[in-house]
């Protein structure tokens, strides 16, 4: 159905032509008048934060928890990475403990484990959806395994029902990193509804963005109170209550007000990103490019749209990404697999636990084919069509045979 009208492939912006989009789309946060009034009132009162979180952060926690179900508790913190560290700590991961993590994810999942002296055990992806391979994860369980930390990368839900059953059978904690997948449906529920702990992030481009911020979700009241203390120096509600080591991870009031504003628009944001992902999939149907397949057990909420090049174009990937980017379309090569991050590889080698590309053959083959294209934030349908036009414009240039020499 590639009936999209596009410019001549000889007019690529990277070669001096006019870009498909005249200017890049800014990724700043949309702030409603209602939120601005709340911020002004906050500045007037001067109470910008508080121990155990202030009233705006507490309201955000309540509404975020309610979004996931009446049985949930939430603890708002200053970043998604802080949320991950709290979840790993609450799961009692300590020195020498192993935590199974996916090869395809952002480095924060491994960092949170290493912070506690744990060992990230890197797991391959299943070949269609590129989510964590459940059978491979089970094969990596050892006597030292304490938890599985699953990352719903690009907004694609992993088969968390199968992971929940696996963790229950082996007595492991399940941590869901939902930073890129807020609201994604899985098995008739939402991601975050399956783990002992689920973490979310509210930094740039996220479905809710407030500058920086994160949250931990759980359904056990004791776990909730433990994480609340951990996020506040290990202190209880009393001035002299010192229970354990802890951290200064609280969310400030300004971020909470902006996050509440984003939560009120979340359904619209998910709808827009899902439409963009579906549009790209249909647009590329008759080309050699493929949007990564969505799972049968859920739907992606498209933090970004992952696209696969044919194998004979992997050597051209960087040039293709550069050409699309020069059309003022946000396009990147995804975060590199965990096994190829130098400091982490060195750490795991010192621990005798390094699993390189040989241990993750699916990712090793597919990663060189991958690039990402924008789906948000706040990407309206007409702008998604502009992005699609640029993608086709660049692809047709690279896949067209070179003109014969005169």
Protein backbone atom coordinates (compact mmCIF):
# COMPACT_ATOMS: atom_id res chain seq x y z
CA UNK A 1 0.00 0.00 0.00
CA UNK A 2 2.96 2.28 -0.57
CA UNK A 3 0.99 5.08 -2.18
CA UNK A 4 2.66 7.75 -0.03
CA UNK A 5 3.85 10.66 -2.19
CA UNK A 6 7.47 11.40 -1.54
CA UNK A 7 10.25 13.50 -3.01
CA UNK A 8 12.80 12.18 -5.44
CA UNK A 9 15.41 9.99 -3.81
CA UNK A 10 18.00 12.25 -5.45
CA UNK A 11 16.84 15.01 -3.11
CA UNK A 12 17.86 13.44 0.20
CA UNK A 13 18.63 16.10 2.79
CA UNK A 14 21.92 14.40 3.59
CA UNK A 15 22.99 15.18 0.01
CA UNK A 16 21.84 18.80 0.16
CA UNK A 17 18.14 18.44 -0.63
CA UNK A 18 15.28 19.86 1.40
CA UNK A 19 14.39 17.74 4.46
CA UNK A 20 10.99 16.06 4.51
CA UNK A 21 10.22 17.81 7.80
CA UNK A 22 11.44 21.44 7.75
CA UNK A 23 12.42 21.40 11.44
CA UNK A 24 12.83 18.63 14.03
CA UNK A 25 9.95 18.10 16.43
CA UNK A 26 10.83 19.28 19.91
CA UNK A 27 10.53 16.64 22.62
CA UNK A 28 9.64 19.00 25.45
CA UNK A 29 6.84 18.29 27.91
CA UNK A 30 3.34 19.59 27.22
CA UNK A 31 2.03 21.41 30.29
CA UNK A 32 -1.64 22.27 30.66
CA UNK A 33 -2.93 25.53 32.09
CA UNK A 34 -4.23 23.54 35.05
CA UNK A 35 -0.72 22.24 35.78
CA UNK A 36 0.74 25.73 35.41
CA UNK A 37 -1.71 27.00 38.03
CA UNK A 38 -0.63 24.20 40.36
CA UNK A 39 3.05 25.02 39.81
CA UNK A 40 2.45 28.69 40.53
CA UNK A 41 0.62 27.79 43.73
CA UNK A 42 3.51 25.52 44.67
CA UNK A 43 5.99 28.34 44.17
CA UNK A 44 3.82 30.64 46.27
CA UNK A 45 3.74 28.19 49.20
CA UNK A 46 7.43 27.24 48.86
CA UNK A 47 7.00 23.59 49.95
CA UNK A 48 8.92 22.04 47.06
CA UNK A 49 9.51 18.61 48.63
CA UNK A 50 9.13 16.67 51.84
CA UNK A 51 10.37 13.55 53.61
CA UNK A 52 8.35 10.49 52.55
CA UNK A 53 7.10 12.72 49.68
CA UNK A 54 4.87 15.79 49.74
CA UNK A 55 1.13 16.03 49.01
CA UNK A 56 1.45 16.27 45.21
CA UNK A 57 3.81 13.29 45.04
CA UNK A 58 1.44 11.33 47.29
CA UNK A 59 -1.50 12.21 45.04
CA UNK A 60 0.47 11.04 42.00
CA UNK A 61 1.27 7.79 43.77
CA UNK A 62 -2.40 7.19 44.56
CA UNK A 63 -3.62 7.90 41.05
CA UNK A 64 -0.82 5.90 39.40
CA UNK A 65 -1.52 2.92 41.64
CA UNK A 66 -5.26 3.19 40.90
CA UNK A 67 -4.50 3.10 37.15
CA UNK A 68 -3.04 -0.38 37.67
CA UNK A 69 -5.68 -1.70 40.04
CA UNK A 70 -7.13 -1.19 43.53
CA UNK A 71 -4.70 -3.66 45.13
CA UNK A 72 -1.57 -1.67 44.22
CA UNK A 73 0.72 0.68 46.12
CA UNK A 74 3.16 3.12 44.51
CA UNK A 75 6.26 4.96 45.71
CA UNK A 76 7.29 7.95 43.56
CA UNK A 77 11.03 8.57 43.24
CA UNK A 78 13.47 10.83 41.41
CA UNK A 79 14.27 8.56 38.43
CA UNK A 80 13.52 5.23 36.81
CA UNK A 81 17.03 4.06 37.70
CA UNK A 82 16.37 4.82 41.36
CA UNK A 83 13.14 2.85 41.09
CA UNK A 84 15.05 -0.13 39.67
CA UNK A 85 17.64 0.03 42.44
CA UNK A 86 14.90 0.09 45.08
CA UNK A 87 13.19 -2.93 43.51
CA UNK A 88 16.45 -4.89 43.31
CA UNK A 89 17.24 -3.99 46.91
CA UNK A 90 13.73 -4.91 48.09
CA UNK A 91 14.19 -8.29 46.36
CA UNK A 92 17.20 -8.85 48.67
CA UNK A 93 19.73 -9.01 45.85
CA UNK A 94 23.19 -8.80 47.36
CA UNK A 95 26.83 -9.61 46.59
CA UNK A 96 27.17 -12.70 44.40
CA UNK A 97 23.42 -13.08 43.78
CA UNK A 98 22.42 -13.60 40.16
CA UNK A 99 19.66 -11.71 38.39
CA UNK A 100 18.62 -12.77 34.89
CA UNK A 101 18.27 -9.75 32.58
CA UNK A 102 17.54 -9.45 28.84
CA UNK A 103 20.32 -8.80 26.37
CA UNK A 104 18.22 -6.12 24.67
CA UNK A 105 17.48 -3.35 27.15
CA UNK A 106 18.84 -0.12 28.56
CA UNK A 107 21.93 -0.46 30.74
CA UNK A 108 20.08 0.69 33.90
CA UNK A 109 18.68 -2.83 34.38
CA UNK A 110 22.21 -4.19 34.78
CA UNK A 111 23.46 -1.15 36.71
CA UNK A 112 20.83 -1.64 39.43
CA UNK A 113 22.06 -5.21 39.98
CA UNK A 114 25.74 -4.26 39.97
CA UNK A 115 25.08 -1.47 42.51
CA UNK A 116 24.24 -4.20 45.03
CA UNK A 117 27.17 -6.41 44.10
CA UNK A 118 24.94 -8.76 42.16
CA UNK A 119 25.66 -10.49 38.87
CA UNK A 120 23.51 -9.72 35.82
CA UNK A 121 23.06 -12.95 33.84
CA UNK A 122 22.35 -11.94 30.25
CA UNK A 123 19.53 -13.78 28.47
CA UNK A 124 18.89 -14.06 24.74
CA UNK A 125 15.72 -12.86 22.99
CA UNK A 126 13.12 -14.91 21.23
CA UNK A 127 13.44 -14.28 17.48
CA UNK A 128 10.05 -12.81 16.54
CA UNK A 129 9.17 -10.22 19.20
CA UNK A 130 12.75 -9.79 20.51
CA UNK A 131 11.45 -10.03 24.08
CA UNK A 132 13.17 -12.22 26.66
CA UNK A 133 13.29 -15.90 25.65
CA UNK A 134 11.52 -17.66 28.53
CA UNK A 135 13.03 -21.09 27.83
CA UNK A 136 16.51 -19.57 27.71
CA UNK A 137 15.82 -17.75 30.98
CA UNK A 138 14.87 -21.01 32.68
CA UNK A 139 18.08 -22.64 31.45
CA UNK A 140 20.09 -19.87 33.14
CA UNK A 141 18.61 -20.41 36.63
CA UNK A 142 21.19 -21.60 39.13
CA UNK A 143 21.45 -22.01 42.89
CA UNK A 144 22.59 -18.37 43.05
CA UNK A 145 19.68 -16.91 41.07
CA UNK A 146 17.66 -14.49 43.19
CA UNK A 147 15.40 -12.78 40.62
CA UNK A 148 14.46 -12.25 37.01
CA UNK A 149 14.43 -8.61 35.89
CA UNK A 150 12.44 -8.36 32.66
CA UNK A 151 12.47 -5.23 30.50
CA UNK A 152 9.52 -4.48 28.23
CA UNK A 153 11.77 -2.86 25.63
CA UNK A 154 10.33 -0.42 23.03
CA UNK A 155 6.94 -0.89 24.75
CA UNK A 156 6.69 -4.55 23.66
CA UNK A 157 5.38 -6.69 26.55
CA UNK A 158 7.36 -9.81 27.38
CA UNK A 159 5.46 -13.05 28.10
CA UNK A 160 5.13 -12.08 31.76
CA UNK A 161 2.48 -14.69 32.58
CA UNK A 162 5.00 -17.40 31.67
CA UNK A 163 7.72 -15.59 33.63
CA UNK A 164 5.44 -15.32 36.66
CA UNK A 165 4.83 -19.06 36.59
CA UNK A 166 8.55 -19.70 36.13
CA UNK A 167 9.51 -17.48 39.07
CA UNK A 168 6.85 -19.03 41.31
CA UNK A 169 8.07 -22.51 40.45
CA UNK A 170 11.69 -21.67 41.29
CA UNK A 171 11.06 -19.34 44.24
CA UNK A 172 12.42 -16.24 42.47
CA UNK A 173 11.39 -12.60 42.63
CA UNK A 174 10.06 -11.10 39.41
CA UNK A 175 10.89 -7.45 38.69
CA UNK A 176 9.25 -5.73 35.72
CA UNK A 177 11.03 -2.76 34.16
CA UNK A 178 8.12 -0.96 32.48
CA UNK A 179 9.98 2.29 31.74
CA UNK A 180 9.13 2.10 28.04
CA UNK A 181 5.84 0.23 28.32
CA UNK A 182 3.48 2.11 30.63
CA UNK A 183 -0.05 0.87 29.99
CA UNK A 184 0.92 -1.93 27.60
CA UNK A 185 -1.67 -4.74 27.63
CA UNK A 186 -0.42 -8.26 28.35
CA UNK A 187 -2.54 -11.37 28.94
CA UNK A 188 -5.65 -9.23 29.44
CA UNK A 189 -3.98 -7.11 32.11
CA UNK A 190 -1.28 -4.40 32.11
CA UNK A 191 2.46 -4.80 32.35
CA UNK A 192 3.41 -4.16 35.95
CA UNK A 193 0.58 -6.42 37.15
CA UNK A 194 2.74 -9.56 37.16
CA UNK A 195 5.92 -8.73 39.06
CA UNK A 196 6.62 -8.64 42.76
CA UNK A 197 7.88 -5.17 41.90
CA UNK A 198 7.40 -3.06 38.79
CA UNK A 199 9.31 0.09 37.94
CA UNK A 200 8.49 3.00 35.64
CA UNK A 201 10.38 6.06 34.40
CA UNK A 202 9.24 9.56 33.47
CA UNK A 203 12.26 11.01 31.69
CA UNK A 204 12.49 12.40 28.16
CA UNK A 205 10.23 10.78 25.50
CA UNK A 206 8.49 8.52 28.02
CA UNK A 207 4.70 8.11 27.87
CA UNK A 208 4.62 10.36 30.94
CA UNK A 209 7.54 12.80 31.14
CA UNK A 210 8.23 15.21 33.99
CA UNK A 211 11.91 16.01 33.45
CA UNK A 212 13.12 13.17 35.65
CA UNK A 213 11.15 10.79 37.80
CA UNK A 214 10.24 7.19 38.47
CA UNK A 215 7.93 5.01 40.51
CA UNK A 216 7.89 1.55 42.10
CA UNK A 217 4.65 -0.43 42.03
CA UNK A 218 3.82 -3.41 44.25
CA UNK A 219 0.76 -5.13 45.69
CA UNK A 220 2.19 -6.18 49.08
CA UNK A 221 1.79 -3.65 51.90
CA UNK A 222 4.92 -4.80 53.75
CA UNK A 223 6.95 -4.40 50.54
CA UNK A 224 5.43 -0.97 50.02
CA UNK A 225 6.42 0.21 53.49
CA UNK A 226 9.91 -1.27 53.10
CA UNK A 227 10.46 0.53 49.77
CA UNK A 228 9.08 3.76 51.21
CA UNK A 229 11.73 3.58 53.94
CA UNK A 230 14.49 2.65 51.50
CA UNK A 231 13.68 5.71 49.39
CA UNK A 232 13.99 7.96 52.45
CA UNK A 233 17.37 7.08 54.02
CA UNK A 234 15.96 3.87 55.53
CA UNK A 235 13.92 5.96 57.96
CA UNK A 236 10.39 5.36 59.19
CA UNK A 237 7.74 8.03 59.75
CA UNK A 238 9.18 9.09 63.11
CA UNK A 239 12.04 11.60 63.30
CA UNK A 240 14.32 9.09 65.04
CA UNK A 241 13.19 5.95 63.20
CA UNK A 242 16.25 4.37 61.60
CA UNK A 243 15.49 0.90 60.23
CA UNK A 244 18.13 0.17 57.59
CA UNK A 245 20.48 1.61 55.06
CA UNK A 246 18.55 3.79 52.63
CA UNK A 247 18.79 6.38 49.89
CA UNK A 248 17.62 9.86 49.03
CA UNK A 249 15.35 8.91 46.12
CA UNK A 250 12.24 10.98 46.83
CA UNK A 251 10.24 12.71 44.08
CA UNK A 252 9.99 16.50 44.36
CA UNK A 253 6.64 18.29 44.16
CA UNK A 254 7.25 20.05 40.83
CA UNK A 255 7.91 16.73 39.07
CA UNK A 256 4.82 15.23 40.70
CA UNK A 257 2.57 18.01 39.39
CA UNK A 258 3.90 17.56 35.85
CA UNK A 259 3.61 13.76 36.12
CA UNK A 260 -0.02 14.05 37.27
CA UNK A 261 -0.70 16.21 34.24
CA UNK A 262 0.85 13.56 31.99
CA UNK A 263 -1.14 10.79 33.66
CA UNK A 264 -4.36 12.63 32.81
CA UNK A 265 -3.39 12.43 29.09
CA UNK A 266 -1.88 8.94 29.15
CA UNK A 267 -4.65 7.20 27.20
CA UNK A 268 -4.32 9.74 24.37
CA UNK A 269 -0.54 9.35 24.32
CA UNK A 270 -0.76 5.56 24.11
CA UNK A 271 -3.37 5.82 21.36
CA UNK A 272 -1.21 8.18 19.28
CA UNK A 273 1.92 6.04 19.61
CA UNK A 274 0.00 2.87 18.80
CA UNK A 275 -1.44 4.49 15.68
CA UNK A 276 2.04 5.57 14.59
CA UNK A 277 3.41 2.05 15.07
CA UNK A 278 0.53 0.52 13.13
CA UNK A 279 0.93 3.10 10.37
CA UNK A 280 4.63 2.30 9.93
CA UNK A 281 3.87 -1.42 9.83
CA UNK A 282 1.30 -0.98 7.08
CA UNK A 283 3.46 1.50 5.18
CA UNK A 284 6.39 -0.92 5.04
CA UNK A 285 4.30 -3.99 4.22
CA UNK A 286 5.48 -4.21 0.60
CA UNK A 287 9.12 -3.33 1.29
CA UNK A 288 12.04 -5.33 2.63
CA UNK A 289 11.78 -3.40 5.90
CA UNK A 290 9.85 -4.96 8.78
CA UNK A 291 8.50 -3.55 12.01
CA UNK A 292 9.33 -6.02 14.79
CA UNK A 293 6.39 -8.37 15.32
CA UNK A 294 4.05 -7.72 18.25
CA UNK A 295 3.46 -10.66 20.59
CA UNK A 296 0.32 -12.78 20.58
CA UNK A 297 -0.02 -12.26 24.36
CA UNK A 298 -0.18 -8.46 24.23
CA UNK A 299 0.24 -5.23 22.29
CA UNK A 300 3.07 -2.74 22.08
CA UNK A 301 2.59 0.86 23.23
CA UNK A 302 5.52 1.86 21.00
CA UNK A 303 7.93 3.90 23.07
CA UNK A 304 9.73 3.79 19.74
CA UNK A 305 9.11 1.71 16.64
CA UNK A 306 11.83 -0.92 16.05
CA UNK A 307 12.46 -1.65 12.37
CA UNK A 308 14.47 -4.50 10.85
CA UNK A 309 16.69 -4.11 7.80
CA UNK A 310 17.20 -7.09 5.52
CA UNK A 311 20.43 -8.89 6.38
CA UNK A 312 22.19 -7.74 3.20
CA UNK A 313 21.80 -4.11 4.29
CA UNK A 314 23.37 -4.32 7.75
CA UNK A 315 26.58 -2.69 6.52
CA UNK A 316 24.51 0.32 5.43
CA UNK A 317 22.65 0.74 8.72
CA UNK A 318 24.49 3.79 10.01
CA UNK A 319 24.21 5.55 6.65
CA UNK A 320 20.47 4.85 6.52
CA UNK A 321 19.96 6.12 10.07
CA UNK A 322 22.00 9.26 9.32
CA UNK A 323 20.00 9.90 6.16
CA UNK A 324 16.65 9.52 7.96
CA UNK A 325 17.85 11.74 10.81
CA UNK A 326 18.88 14.45 8.35
CA UNK A 327 15.28 14.51 7.13
CA UNK A 328 14.53 15.82 10.68
CA UNK A 329 13.07 12.51 11.78
CA UNK A 330 14.16 11.06 15.12
CA UNK A 331 15.92 7.82 14.18
CA UNK A 332 18.58 5.91 16.06
CA UNK A 333 20.41 2.64 16.36
CA UNK A 334 19.05 0.97 19.53
CA UNK A 335 21.00 0.69 22.75
CA UNK A 336 23.70 -1.90 22.27
CA UNK A 337 23.21 -5.38 23.77
CA UNK A 338 24.31 -5.61 27.39
CA UNK A 339 27.11 -8.07 26.59
CA UNK A 340 28.81 -5.45 24.38
CA UNK A 341 28.96 -2.68 27.03
CA UNK A 342 32.69 -2.53 27.91
CA UNK A 343 32.53 -1.82 31.65
CA UNK A 344 29.82 -4.44 32.20
CA UNK A 345 31.68 -7.05 30.15
CA UNK A 346 34.79 -6.41 32.24
CA UNK A 347 32.82 -6.66 35.49
CA UNK A 348 31.26 -9.96 34.45
CA UNK A 349 34.58 -11.37 33.30
CA UNK A 350 36.05 -10.57 36.72
CA UNK A 351 33.13 -12.50 38.25
CA UNK A 352 33.57 -15.40 35.83
CA UNK A 353 30.04 -14.78 34.57
CA UNK A 354 30.46 -13.16 31.17
CA UNK A 355 28.06 -14.29 28.44
CA UNK A 356 28.93 -12.70 25.12
CA UNK A 357 27.39 -12.87 21.68
CA UNK A 358 27.87 -16.65 21.61
CA UNK A 359 25.48 -16.93 24.56
CA UNK A 360 22.87 -14.76 22.84
CA UNK A 361 22.83 -15.96 19.21
CA UNK A 362 19.45 -14.47 18.33
CA UNK A 363 20.41 -10.99 19.49
CA UNK A 364 23.86 -11.30 17.89
CA UNK A 365 22.25 -11.95 14.50
CA UNK A 366 19.33 -9.51 14.70
CA UNK A 367 20.84 -6.49 16.47
CA UNK A 368 22.86 -5.34 13.41
CA UNK A 369 19.59 -5.18 11.47
CA UNK A 370 17.76 -2.92 13.94
CA UNK A 371 17.03 0.78 13.97
CA UNK A 372 14.34 2.85 15.74
CA UNK A 373 11.99 5.52 14.42
CA UNK A 374 9.97 8.04 16.39
CA UNK A 375 6.46 7.48 17.67
CA UNK A 376 6.25 10.31 20.20
CA UNK A 377 5.87 12.10 22.43
CA UNK A 378 2.71 13.80 21.21
CA UNK A 379 3.21 12.68 17.60
CA UNK A 380 -0.05 13.43 15.76
CA UNK A 381 -1.15 11.30 12.83
CA UNK A 382 -0.11 13.84 10.19
CA UNK A 383 3.41 14.02 11.63
CA UNK A 384 3.66 10.22 11.68
CA UNK A 385 2.89 10.35 7.95
CA UNK A 386 5.72 12.85 7.45
CA UNK A 387 8.06 10.49 9.31
CA UNK A 388 6.87 7.60 7.16
CA UNK A 389 7.41 9.60 3.98
CA UNK A 390 11.00 10.31 5.01
CA UNK A 391 11.60 6.67 5.86
CA UNK A 392 10.38 5.54 2.43
CA UNK A 393 12.28 8.31 0.68
CA UNK A 394 15.55 7.20 2.24
CA UNK A 395 14.87 3.49 1.85
CA UNK A 396 14.07 3.82 -1.85
CA UNK A 397 17.34 5.62 -2.37
CA UNK A 398 19.37 2.89 -0.69
CA UNK A 399 17.55 -0.06 -2.21
CA UNK A 400 17.49 1.33 -5.75
CA UNK A 401 20.18 0.03 -8.12
CA UNK A 402 22.91 2.49 -8.98
CA UNK A 403 22.45 4.18 -12.37
CA UNK A 404 24.65 2.81 -15.14
CA UNK A 405 27.89 4.63 -15.80
CA UNK A 406 27.99 6.66 -19.00
